[in-house]
Amino acid sequence: MQREEKQLDAALEAMIMRVNDLKTSIASMLFKLEHEYETLNWPSFLDNFALIAGHLTSLSKLLAHDKAPNFRNLTVLPLLLSPEKDEDLMRMTEGRITTFAHDLVPDYLRTKPEPQAEQKMIQLEHKAANLTYDASHKQVAQYTKVITHVHDIAEKARDEWESEANSRTTQTQTSSTADTHALVAAVGMGKALKNETVQMVQSGVNAGPSNMMVGRPGSQPGAGGQVGQMGKAPSTIKTNIKAASQIHPYNR
């Protein structure tokens, strides 16, 4: 009896370690799905799934080992049921179970599915057993057709995305970074504006005397007069200038 109890304890300890590893892998996958879904790629997801599958395989090998006790012949019975909050139970279950009451024990210690789920599984198994070969082959062909169609749609969408990404990278550049920086520096800090202003003033002074030509009264302006008067708006105010001798109030 002592030897069997020791084997049972060792098997339980090893099984608990494997279950904890499996639980850690599942928690890691759920965390990535909830918080890293934007950066999560398919190879990383497959790696996590392969890790979970490896833990399940190790647990199955442990249960199928020759030296492992047959857990099917063992029964778990509750020794104490209480609606009070149990701190030890909370610590052992990492806060998932707070009480070990009468209404919770059937769910926690259940070794078979719920009656509704078990009935549904029996119906599906009975339906699958009565299905003929031709009908099953036809259903498999229909599912294959649907899956192929969905795969083609996904492939087409991926090709379009890749072509759009390549077209974005190969577009001709329509702006100059250097010119943009120079324009911002000129507007914000006035760089390179002083020299340009001096050159413009000097060019205006040099070109002024040669272009400004005044015609004599009564003479028709030539080409030079037209250039000199270019850009000058005509005056609409009429003036009458008289000699000073005619309007002097103290004329002798």
Protein backbone atom coordinates (compact mmCIF):
# COMPACT_ATOMS: atom_id res chain seq x y z
CA MET A 1 0.00 0.00 0.00
CA GLN A 2 2.78 2.42 0.85
CA ARG A 3 4.50 1.67 -2.45
CA GLU A 4 1.30 2.29 -4.41
CA GLU A 5 0.71 5.52 -2.50
CA LYS A 6 4.23 6.71 -3.30
CA GLN A 7 3.77 5.89 -6.98
CA LEU A 8 0.45 7.70 -6.93
CA ASP A 9 1.98 10.77 -5.30
CA ALA A 10 4.87 10.83 -7.78
CA ALA A 11 2.51 10.42 -10.73
CA LEU A 12 0.23 13.16 -9.42
CA GLU A 13 3.18 15.50 -8.93
CA ALA A 14 4.49 14.88 -12.45
CA MET A 15 1.00 15.31 -13.89
CA ILE A 16 0.52 18.59 -12.02
CA MET A 17 3.83 19.87 -13.43
CA ARG A 18 2.77 18.98 -16.97
CA VAL A 19 -0.63 20.58 -16.46
CA ASN A 20 1.00 23.75 -15.13
CA ASP A 21 3.25 23.91 -18.20
CA LEU A 22 0.20 23.46 -20.42
CA LYS A 23 -1.66 26.17 -18.52
CA THR A 24 1.28 28.57 -18.89
CA SER A 25 1.43 27.98 -22.65
CA ILE A 26 -2.31 28.55 -23.05
CA ALA A 27 -2.15 31.73 -20.95
CA SER A 28 0.76 33.01 -23.07
CA MET A 29 -1.17 32.38 -26.28
CA LEU A 30 -4.27 34.11 -24.93
CA PHE A 31 -2.19 37.10 -23.84
CA LYS A 32 -0.70 37.44 -27.32
CA LEU A 33 -4.11 37.15 -28.94
CA GLU A 34 -5.57 39.86 -26.69
CA HIS A 35 -2.66 42.33 -26.49
CA GLU A 36 -0.34 41.61 -29.42
CA TYR A 37 -2.89 40.94 -32.16
CA GLU A 38 -1.56 43.83 -34.27
CA THR A 39 2.00 42.47 -34.45
CA LEU A 40 1.23 38.76 -34.13
CA ASN A 41 2.06 36.80 -37.28
CA TRP A 42 1.08 33.33 -38.38
CA PRO A 43 4.46 31.58 -37.76
CA SER A 44 4.53 32.83 -34.17
CA PHE A 45 0.97 31.62 -33.62
CA LEU A 46 1.88 28.20 -35.04
CA ASP A 47 4.90 28.02 -32.72
CA ASN A 48 2.69 28.63 -29.68
CA PHE A 49 0.19 26.08 -30.92
CA ALA A 50 2.97 23.54 -31.45
CA LEU A 51 4.18 24.18 -27.89
CA ILE A 52 0.70 23.47 -26.52
CA ALA A 53 0.47 20.32 -28.63
CA GLY A 54 3.84 19.19 -27.27
CA HIS A 55 2.67 19.62 -23.66
CA LEU A 56 -0.48 17.64 -24.44
CA THR A 57 1.61 14.85 -25.97
CA SER A 58 3.88 14.75 -22.90
CA LEU A 59 0.85 14.56 -20.62
CA SER A 60 -0.64 11.73 -22.68
CA LYS A 61 2.64 9.79 -22.58
CA LEU A 62 2.80 10.27 -18.82
CA LEU A 63 -0.70 8.91 -18.34
CA ALA A 64 -0.06 5.99 -20.70
CA HIS A 65 3.20 4.97 -19.00
CA ASP A 66 3.41 1.46 -17.56
CA LYS A 67 4.46 2.64 -14.11
CA ALA A 68 1.77 5.29 -13.93
CA PRO A 69 -1.29 4.29 -11.88
CA ASN A 70 -4.59 3.88 -13.63
CA PHE A 71 -6.44 7.04 -12.71
CA ARG A 72 -9.66 5.65 -14.16
CA ASN A 73 -9.95 3.37 -11.16
CA LEU A 74 -9.65 6.26 -8.73
CA THR A 75 -12.46 8.46 -7.52
CA VAL A 76 -12.29 11.98 -6.12
CA LEU A 77 -14.66 12.58 -3.23
CA PRO A 78 -15.22 15.88 -1.40
CA LEU A 79 -14.33 15.61 2.27
CA LEU A 80 -15.73 18.97 3.35
CA LEU A 81 -18.38 21.19 1.79
CA SER A 82 -18.78 24.70 3.07
CA PRO A 83 -20.30 27.92 1.69
CA GLU A 84 -17.62 29.90 3.55
CA LYS A 85 -14.70 31.44 1.67
CA ASP A 86 -11.63 29.21 1.85
CA GLU A 87 -8.28 31.00 1.69
CA ASP A 88 -6.31 27.80 1.08
CA LEU A 89 -8.59 26.88 -1.80
CA MET A 90 -8.17 30.34 -3.30
CA ARG A 91 -4.38 30.04 -3.05
CA MET A 92 -4.34 26.57 -4.62
CA THR A 93 -6.62 27.59 -7.49
CA GLU A 94 -4.96 31.01 -8.00
CA GLY A 95 -8.11 32.84 -6.99
CA ARG A 96 -10.42 31.05 -9.43
CA ILE A 97 -12.41 29.11 -6.79
CA THR A 98 -13.35 30.83 -3.55
CA THR A 99 -15.79 28.34 -2.00
CA PHE A 100 -16.36 24.59 -2.17
CA ALA A 101 -20.13 24.56 -1.83
CA HIS A 102 -22.81 22.03 -2.73
CA ASP A 103 -23.87 23.77 -5.94
CA LEU A 104 -20.29 23.99 -7.29
CA VAL A 105 -18.95 20.53 -6.53
CA PRO A 106 -20.78 18.74 -9.40
CA ASP A 107 -19.18 21.11 -11.91
CA TYR A 108 -15.69 21.02 -10.40
CA LEU A 109 -15.52 17.24 -9.93
CA ARG A 110 -17.36 16.29 -13.12
CA THR A 111 -15.68 13.47 -15.09
CA LYS A 112 -18.25 13.43 -17.90
CA PRO A 113 -19.66 16.21 -20.06
CA GLU A 114 -22.84 17.99 -19.10
CA PRO A 115 -26.04 16.09 -19.96
CA GLN A 116 -26.99 18.53 -22.74
CA ALA A 117 -23.53 18.43 -24.30
CA GLU A 118 -23.38 14.64 -24.01
CA GLN A 119 -26.79 14.29 -25.67
CA LYS A 120 -25.70 16.59 -28.50
CA MET A 121 -22.53 14.56 -29.03
CA ILE A 122 -24.53 11.32 -29.13
CA GLN A 123 -26.82 12.77 -31.80
CA LEU A 124 -23.88 13.88 -33.93
CA GLU A 125 -22.17 10.50 -33.60
CA HIS A 126 -25.38 8.72 -34.55
CA LYS A 127 -25.83 11.01 -37.57
CA ALA A 128 -22.24 10.41 -38.69
CA ALA A 129 -22.61 6.65 -38.31
CA ASN A 130 -25.74 6.54 -40.48
CA LEU A 131 -24.23 8.70 -43.23
CA THR A 132 -23.59 6.84 -46.49
CA TYR A 133 -20.32 6.92 -48.38
CA ASP A 134 -21.74 8.85 -51.34
CA ALA A 135 -23.31 11.49 -49.14
CA SER A 136 -20.14 11.91 -47.10
CA HIS A 137 -18.04 12.11 -50.28
CA LYS A 138 -20.39 14.77 -51.67
CA GLN A 139 -20.19 16.81 -48.46
CA VAL A 140 -16.40 16.58 -48.45
CA ALA A 141 -16.35 17.78 -52.08
CA GLN A 142 -18.61 20.73 -51.23
CA TYR A 143 -16.47 21.71 -48.24
CA THR A 144 -13.34 21.43 -50.36
CA LYS A 145 -14.89 23.68 -53.01
CA VAL A 146 -15.83 26.30 -50.44
CA ILE A 147 -12.40 26.20 -48.81
CA THR A 148 -10.69 26.48 -52.21
CA HIS A 149 -12.85 29.49 -53.10
CA VAL A 150 -12.01 31.22 -49.82
CA HIS A 151 -8.34 30.43 -50.36
CA ASP A 152 -8.44 31.93 -53.85
CA ILE A 153 -10.07 35.11 -52.50
CA ALA A 154 -7.38 35.41 -49.83
CA GLU A 155 -4.62 34.85 -52.38
CA LYS A 156 -6.10 37.48 -54.72
CA ALA A 157 -6.38 40.00 -51.88
CA ARG A 158 -2.79 39.33 -50.86
CA ASP A 159 -1.55 39.82 -54.43
CA GLU A 160 -3.45 43.12 -54.67
CA TRP A 161 -1.98 44.32 -51.37
CA GLU A 162 1.52 43.39 -52.45
CA SER A 163 1.10 45.14 -55.82
CA GLU A 164 -0.21 48.28 -54.11
CA ALA A 165 2.70 48.25 -51.69
CA ASN A 166 5.19 47.86 -54.55
CA SER A 167 3.53 50.67 -56.52
CA ARG A 168 3.78 52.98 -53.51
CA THR A 169 7.49 52.32 -53.20
CA THR A 170 8.13 52.86 -56.93
CA GLN A 171 6.24 56.13 -57.33
CA THR A 172 8.19 59.08 -58.73
CA GLN A 173 9.19 61.69 -56.21
CA THR A 174 7.26 64.93 -56.65
CA SER A 175 8.89 66.94 -53.91
CA SER A 176 12.36 67.97 -52.84
CA THR A 177 13.33 67.75 -49.21
CA ALA A 178 16.14 70.28 -49.62
CA ASP A 179 13.83 72.83 -51.23
CA THR A 180 11.25 72.32 -48.49
CA HIS A 181 13.84 72.92 -45.77
CA ALA A 182 15.15 76.00 -47.58
CA LEU A 183 11.62 77.42 -47.93
CA VAL A 184 10.84 76.80 -44.26
CA ALA A 185 14.13 78.43 -43.22
CA ALA A 186 13.44 81.45 -45.44
CA VAL A 187 9.91 81.96 -44.11
CA GLY A 188 10.66 81.21 -40.49
CA MET A 189 14.16 82.66 -40.01
CA GLY A 190 14.71 84.78 -43.11
CA LYS A 191 17.67 82.85 -44.38
CA ALA A 192 18.95 83.70 -47.89
CA LEU A 193 16.49 86.61 -48.19
CA LYS A 194 18.95 89.48 -47.48
CA ASN A 195 21.21 88.76 -50.42
CA GLU A 196 18.25 88.35 -52.77
CA THR A 197 16.77 91.70 -51.65
CA VAL A 198 20.06 93.53 -52.20
CA GLN A 199 20.41 92.06 -55.67
CA MET A 200 16.85 93.05 -56.56
CA VAL A 201 17.41 96.64 -55.35
CA GLN A 202 20.67 96.94 -57.24
CA SER A 203 19.11 95.60 -60.43
CA GLY A 204 16.21 98.10 -60.09
CA VAL A 205 18.59 101.07 -59.62
CA ASN A 206 20.69 100.09 -62.61
CA ALA A 207 17.68 99.61 -64.84
CA GLY A 208 15.86 102.79 -63.71
CA PRO A 209 17.68 105.61 -65.61
CA SER A 210 17.79 103.71 -68.89
CA ASN A 211 14.08 102.97 -68.87
CA MET A 212 12.75 106.31 -67.57
CA MET A 213 12.47 108.82 -70.47
CA VAL A 214 10.47 112.07 -70.29
CA GLY A 215 9.09 113.62 -73.51
CA ARG A 216 8.86 117.30 -74.24
CA PRO A 217 5.45 119.05 -74.05
CA GLY A 218 3.56 118.69 -77.25
CA SER A 219 5.82 116.04 -78.67
CA GLN A 220 4.57 112.52 -79.34
CA PRO A 221 6.21 109.95 -77.14
CA GLY A 222 8.25 107.32 -78.89
CA ALA A 223 9.24 103.86 -77.78
CA GLY A 224 11.27 105.25 -74.90
CA GLY A 225 8.36 107.30 -73.65
CA GLN A 226 6.10 104.31 -73.75
CA VAL A 227 8.57 102.33 -71.69
CA GLY A 228 8.94 105.17 -69.20
CA GLN A 229 5.21 105.63 -68.79
CA MET A 230 4.49 101.91 -68.59
CA GLY A 231 2.75 100.98 -65.42
CA LYS A 232 1.76 104.59 -64.58
CA ALA A 233 -2.00 105.08 -64.15
CA PRO A 234 -3.46 108.15 -65.95
CA SER A 235 -4.59 110.96 -63.71
CA THR A 236 -8.28 111.94 -63.77
CA ILE A 237 -7.81 115.27 -61.88
CA LYS A 238 -7.78 118.43 -64.05
CA THR A 239 -5.65 121.29 -62.86
CA ASN A 240 -5.64 124.95 -63.94
CA ILE A 241 -2.41 126.75 -63.11
CA LYS A 242 -2.45 130.57 -63.46
CA ALA A 243 0.34 133.06 -63.27
CA ALA A 244 1.11 134.63 -59.94
CA SER A 245 0.61 138.17 -61.29
CA GLN A 246 -3.00 137.53 -62.17
CA ILE A 247 -4.09 136.31 -58.74
CA HIS A 248 -1.97 138.54 -56.52
CA PRO A 249 -4.33 140.58 -54.32
CA TYR A 250 -1.98 143.52 -53.99
CA ASN A 251 -1.36 144.19 -57.65
CA ARG A 252 -0.19 147.73 -58.32
